[in-house]
């Protein structure tokens, strides 16, 4: 996470809080179904997009926050991309009043850095390499 915040810029730390639990899942439980690259990438990006869309259409309030979490939960379940840390992304973007650019920066680059770090780390330490499967 320090590498992510250093490269992306530490001022975005609050915006990337959902990646803290993603890092735990990836580094400590790399064989978990939610650690698949597709689950990590798609669920985080989709969760942020849902939150931003709700903010643009309705605004930020307790109802859109609840709806955002519910919608990303349904989307992850239907898409078989369950990655629970991504459920925080609608809450984050709604609280920060984020715009669409948030997805391109800082979220997408932070995710790619985190995934590259776990990919390299899994090859340096004993045990199974990550990912067990990509999709």
C-alpha atoms as a PDB file:
ATOM      1  CA  UNK A   1       0.000   0.000   0.000  1.00  0.00           C
ATOM      2  CA  UNK A   2       2.888   2.338   0.709  1.00  0.00           C
ATOM      3  CA  UNK A   3       4.107   1.828  -2.870  1.00  0.00           C
ATOM      4  CA  UNK A   4       0.636   2.588  -4.215  1.00  0.00           C
ATOM      5  CA  UNK A   5       0.318   5.760  -2.146  1.00  0.00           C
ATOM      6  CA  UNK A   6       3.851   6.866  -3.007  1.00  0.00           C
ATOM      7  CA  UNK A   7       3.364   6.431  -6.764  1.00  0.00           C
ATOM      8  CA  UNK A   8      -0.211   7.705  -6.893  1.00  0.00           C
ATOM      9  CA  UNK A   9       0.389  10.493  -4.345  1.00  0.00           C
ATOM     10  CA  UNK A  10      -0.444  10.186  -0.661  1.00  0.00           C
ATOM     11  CA  UNK A  11      -3.081  12.925  -0.867  1.00  0.00           C
ATOM     12  CA  UNK A  12      -5.357  10.286  -2.393  1.00  0.00           C
ATOM     13  CA  UNK A  13      -5.014   7.996   0.634  1.00  0.00           C
ATOM     14  CA  UNK A  14      -8.583   8.548   1.808  1.00  0.00           C
ATOM     15  CA  UNK A  15      -9.921   7.910  -1.686  1.00  0.00           C
ATOM     16  CA  UNK A  16      -8.117   4.573  -1.795  1.00  0.00           C
ATOM     17  CA  UNK A  17      -9.115   3.196   1.610  1.00  0.00           C
ATOM     18  CA  UNK A  18     -10.916   0.235   0.033  1.00  0.00           C
ATOM     19  CA  UNK A  19      -7.553  -0.945  -1.304  1.00  0.00           C
ATOM     20  CA  UNK A  20      -6.275  -1.574   2.223  1.00  0.00           C
ATOM     21  CA  UNK A  21      -8.556  -4.567   2.646  1.00  0.00           C
ATOM     22  CA  UNK A  22      -7.889  -5.567  -0.962  1.00  0.00           C
ATOM     23  CA  UNK A  23      -4.169  -5.699  -0.144  1.00  0.00           C
ATOM     24  CA  UNK A  24      -4.843  -7.944   2.859  1.00  0.00           C
ATOM     25  CA  UNK A  25      -6.904 -10.292   0.718  1.00  0.00           C
ATOM     26  CA  UNK A  26      -4.345 -10.410  -2.096  1.00  0.00           C
ATOM     27  CA  UNK A  27      -1.213 -10.817   0.003  1.00  0.00           C
ATOM     28  CA  UNK A  28      -2.583 -12.976   2.816  1.00  0.00           C
ATOM     29  CA  UNK A  29      -5.197 -15.030   0.957  1.00  0.00           C
ATOM     30  CA  UNK A  30      -4.025 -15.177  -2.682  1.00  0.00           C
ATOM     31  CA  UNK A  31      -5.979 -18.367  -3.381  1.00  0.00           C
ATOM     32  CA  UNK A  32      -9.292 -16.808  -2.278  1.00  0.00           C
ATOM     33  CA  UNK A  33     -11.921 -16.568  -5.012  1.00  0.00           C
ATOM     34  CA  UNK A  34     -12.159 -12.811  -4.407  1.00  0.00           C
ATOM     35  CA  UNK A  35      -8.437 -12.420  -5.139  1.00  0.00           C
ATOM     36  CA  UNK A  36      -8.872 -13.201  -8.842  1.00  0.00           C
ATOM     37  CA  UNK A  37      -7.624 -10.288 -10.971  1.00  0.00           C
ATOM     38  CA  UNK A  38     -10.963  -9.947 -12.767  1.00  0.00           C
ATOM     39  CA  UNK A  39     -12.825  -9.789  -9.447  1.00  0.00           C
ATOM     40  CA  UNK A  40     -10.465  -7.158  -8.055  1.00  0.00           C
ATOM     41  CA  UNK A  41     -10.371  -4.916 -11.127  1.00  0.00           C
ATOM     42  CA  UNK A  42     -13.958  -5.101 -12.308  1.00  0.00           C
ATOM     43  CA  UNK A  43     -15.595  -4.891  -8.898  1.00  0.00           C
ATOM     44  CA  UNK A  44     -13.547  -1.874  -7.777  1.00  0.00           C
ATOM     45  CA  UNK A  45     -14.068  -0.001 -11.043  1.00  0.00           C
ATOM     46  CA  UNK A  46     -17.757  -0.891 -11.186  1.00  0.00           C
ATOM     47  CA  UNK A  47     -18.297   0.057  -7.540  1.00  0.00           C
ATOM     48  CA  UNK A  48     -16.774   3.476  -8.154  1.00  0.00           C
ATOM     49  CA  UNK A  49     -18.812   3.926 -11.349  1.00  0.00           C
ATOM     50  CA  UNK A  50     -22.042   3.052  -9.535  1.00  0.00           C
ATOM     51  CA  UNK A  51     -21.265   5.571  -6.805  1.00  0.00           C
ATOM     52  CA  UNK A  52     -20.399   8.323  -9.273  1.00  0.00           C
ATOM     53  CA  UNK A  53     -23.508   7.647 -11.341  1.00  0.00           C
ATOM     54  CA  UNK A  54     -25.707   7.834  -8.247  1.00  0.00           C
ATOM     55  CA  UNK A  55     -24.000  11.065  -7.205  1.00  0.00           C
ATOM     56  CA  UNK A  56     -24.550  12.620 -10.634  1.00  0.00           C
ATOM     57  CA  UNK A  57     -28.193  11.514 -10.836  1.00  0.00           C
ATOM     58  CA  UNK A  58     -29.405  11.904  -7.259  1.00  0.00           C
ATOM     59  CA  UNK A  59     -26.665  13.373  -5.076  1.00  0.00           C
ATOM     60  CA  UNK A  60     -24.967  12.105  -1.966  1.00  0.00           C
ATOM     61  CA  UNK A  61     -27.125  11.047   0.951  1.00  0.00           C
ATOM     62  CA  UNK A  62     -27.734   8.006   3.119  1.00  0.00           C
ATOM     63  CA  UNK A  63     -30.141   6.559   0.549  1.00  0.00           C
ATOM     64  CA  UNK A  64     -27.747   6.748  -2.388  1.00  0.00           C
ATOM     65  CA  UNK A  65     -24.986   5.335  -0.174  1.00  0.00           C
ATOM     66  CA  UNK A  66     -27.161   2.381   0.782  1.00  0.00           C
ATOM     67  CA  UNK A  67     -28.273   1.933  -2.805  1.00  0.00           C
ATOM     68  CA  UNK A  68     -24.664   2.051  -4.020  1.00  0.00           C
ATOM     69  CA  UNK A  69     -23.587  -0.750  -1.711  1.00  0.00           C
ATOM     70  CA  UNK A  70     -26.655  -2.805  -2.619  1.00  0.00           C
ATOM     71  CA  UNK A  71     -26.115  -2.302  -6.351  1.00  0.00           C
ATOM     72  CA  UNK A  72     -22.439  -3.279  -6.297  1.00  0.00           C
ATOM     73  CA  UNK A  73     -23.297  -6.325  -4.170  1.00  0.00           C
ATOM     74  CA  UNK A  74     -25.878  -7.447  -6.728  1.00  0.00           C
ATOM     75  CA  UNK A  75     -23.525  -6.730  -9.645  1.00  0.00           C
ATOM     76  CA  UNK A  76     -20.658  -8.672  -8.061  1.00  0.00           C
ATOM     77  CA  UNK A  77     -22.938 -11.609  -7.276  1.00  0.00           C
ATOM     78  CA  UNK A  78     -24.471 -11.717 -10.755  1.00  0.00           C
ATOM     79  CA  UNK A  79     -21.104 -11.285 -12.466  1.00  0.00           C
ATOM     80  CA  UNK A  80     -19.347 -13.856 -10.265  1.00  0.00           C
ATOM     81  CA  UNK A  81     -16.766 -11.230  -9.344  1.00  0.00           C
ATOM     82  CA  UNK A  82     -17.337 -11.079  -5.588  1.00  0.00           C
ATOM     83  CA  UNK A  83     -14.643  -8.908  -4.015  1.00  0.00           C
ATOM     84  CA  UNK A  84     -16.093  -7.492  -0.765  1.00  0.00           C
ATOM     85  CA  UNK A  85     -13.617  -4.589  -0.343  1.00  0.00           C
ATOM     86  CA  UNK A  86     -15.051  -3.025  -3.511  1.00  0.00           C
ATOM     87  CA  UNK A  87     -18.374  -2.484  -1.735  1.00  0.00           C
ATOM     88  CA  UNK A  88     -16.708   0.487  -0.039  1.00  0.00           C
ATOM     89  CA  UNK A  89     -16.150   2.302  -3.345  1.00  0.00           C
ATOM     90  CA  UNK A  90     -19.688   3.680  -3.750  1.00  0.00           C
ATOM     91  CA  UNK A  91     -19.456   5.038  -0.191  1.00  0.00           C
ATOM     92  CA  UNK A  92     -16.041   6.578  -0.872  1.00  0.00           C
ATOM     93  CA  UNK A  93     -16.975   8.346  -4.104  1.00  0.00           C
ATOM     94  CA  UNK A  94     -20.312   9.521  -2.727  1.00  0.00           C
ATOM     95  CA  UNK A  95     -18.636  10.978   0.364  1.00  0.00           C
ATOM     96  CA  UNK A  96     -15.871  12.631  -1.665  1.00  0.00           C
ATOM     97  CA  UNK A  97     -18.294  13.832  -4.400  1.00  0.00           C
ATOM     98  CA  UNK A  98     -15.952  12.267  -6.963  1.00  0.00           C
ATOM     99  CA  UNK A  99     -16.202  12.784 -10.689  1.00  0.00           C
ATOM    100  CA  UNK A 100     -15.626  10.268 -13.504  1.00  0.00           C
ATOM    101  CA  UNK A 101     -11.936  11.130 -13.614  1.00  0.00           C
ATOM    102  CA  UNK A 102     -11.559   9.329 -10.244  1.00  0.00           C
ATOM    103  CA  UNK A 103     -11.784   6.006 -12.091  1.00  0.00           C
ATOM    104  CA  UNK A 104      -8.898   6.900 -14.424  1.00  0.00           C
ATOM    105  CA  UNK A 105      -6.902   8.503 -11.607  1.00  0.00           C
ATOM    106  CA  UNK A 106      -6.261   7.498  -8.878  1.00  0.00           C
ATOM    107  CA  UNK A 107      -8.278   4.251  -8.811  1.00  0.00           C
ATOM    108  CA  UNK A 108      -7.227   2.341 -11.961  1.00  0.00           C
ATOM    109  CA  UNK A 109      -3.471   3.030 -11.628  1.00  0.00           C
ATOM    110  CA  UNK A 110      -3.581   2.176  -7.915  1.00  0.00           C
ATOM    111  CA  UNK A 111      -5.259  -1.145  -8.684  1.00  0.00           C
ATOM    112  CA  UNK A 112      -2.715  -1.966 -11.385  1.00  0.00           C
ATOM    113  CA  UNK A 113       0.205  -1.174  -9.076  1.00  0.00           C
ATOM    114  CA  UNK A 114      -1.287  -3.308  -6.315  1.00  0.00           C
ATOM    115  CA  UNK A 115      -1.899  -6.221  -8.679  1.00  0.00           C
ATOM    116  CA  UNK A 116       1.624  -5.970 -10.105  1.00  0.00           C
ATOM    117  CA  UNK A 117       3.075  -5.934  -6.584  1.00  0.00           C
ATOM    118  CA  UNK A 118       1.195  -9.061  -5.505  1.00  0.00           C
ATOM    119  CA  UNK A 119       2.128 -10.783  -8.784  1.00  0.00           C
ATOM    120  CA  UNK A 120       5.833 -10.141  -8.142  1.00  0.00           C
ATOM    121  CA  UNK A 121       5.633 -10.883  -4.415  1.00  0.00           C
ATOM    122  CA  UNK A 122       3.943 -14.238  -5.039  1.00  0.00           C
ATOM    123  CA  UNK A 123       6.913 -15.283  -7.153  1.00  0.00           C
ATOM    124  CA  UNK A 124       9.497 -14.262  -4.546  1.00  0.00           C
ATOM    125  CA  UNK A 125       8.018 -16.069  -1.563  1.00  0.00           C
ATOM    126  CA  UNK A 126       7.295 -19.774  -1.058  1.00  0.00           C
ATOM    127  CA  UNK A 127       3.777 -20.993  -1.644  1.00  0.00           C
ATOM    128  CA  UNK A 128       1.258 -20.754  -4.451  1.00  0.00           C
ATOM    129  CA  UNK A 129       1.790 -18.094  -7.059  1.00  0.00           C
ATOM    130  CA  UNK A 130      -0.892 -15.528  -7.660  1.00  0.00           C
ATOM    131  CA  UNK A 131      -3.204 -15.685  -9.480  1.00  0.00           C
ATOM    132  CA  UNK A 132      -4.399 -19.264  -9.438  1.00  0.00           C
ATOM    133  CA  UNK A 133      -6.685 -18.223 -12.279  1.00  0.00           C
ATOM    134  CA  UNK A 134      -7.203 -14.915 -14.041  1.00  0.00           C
ATOM    135  CA  UNK A 135     -10.961 -15.059 -14.627  1.00  0.00           C
END
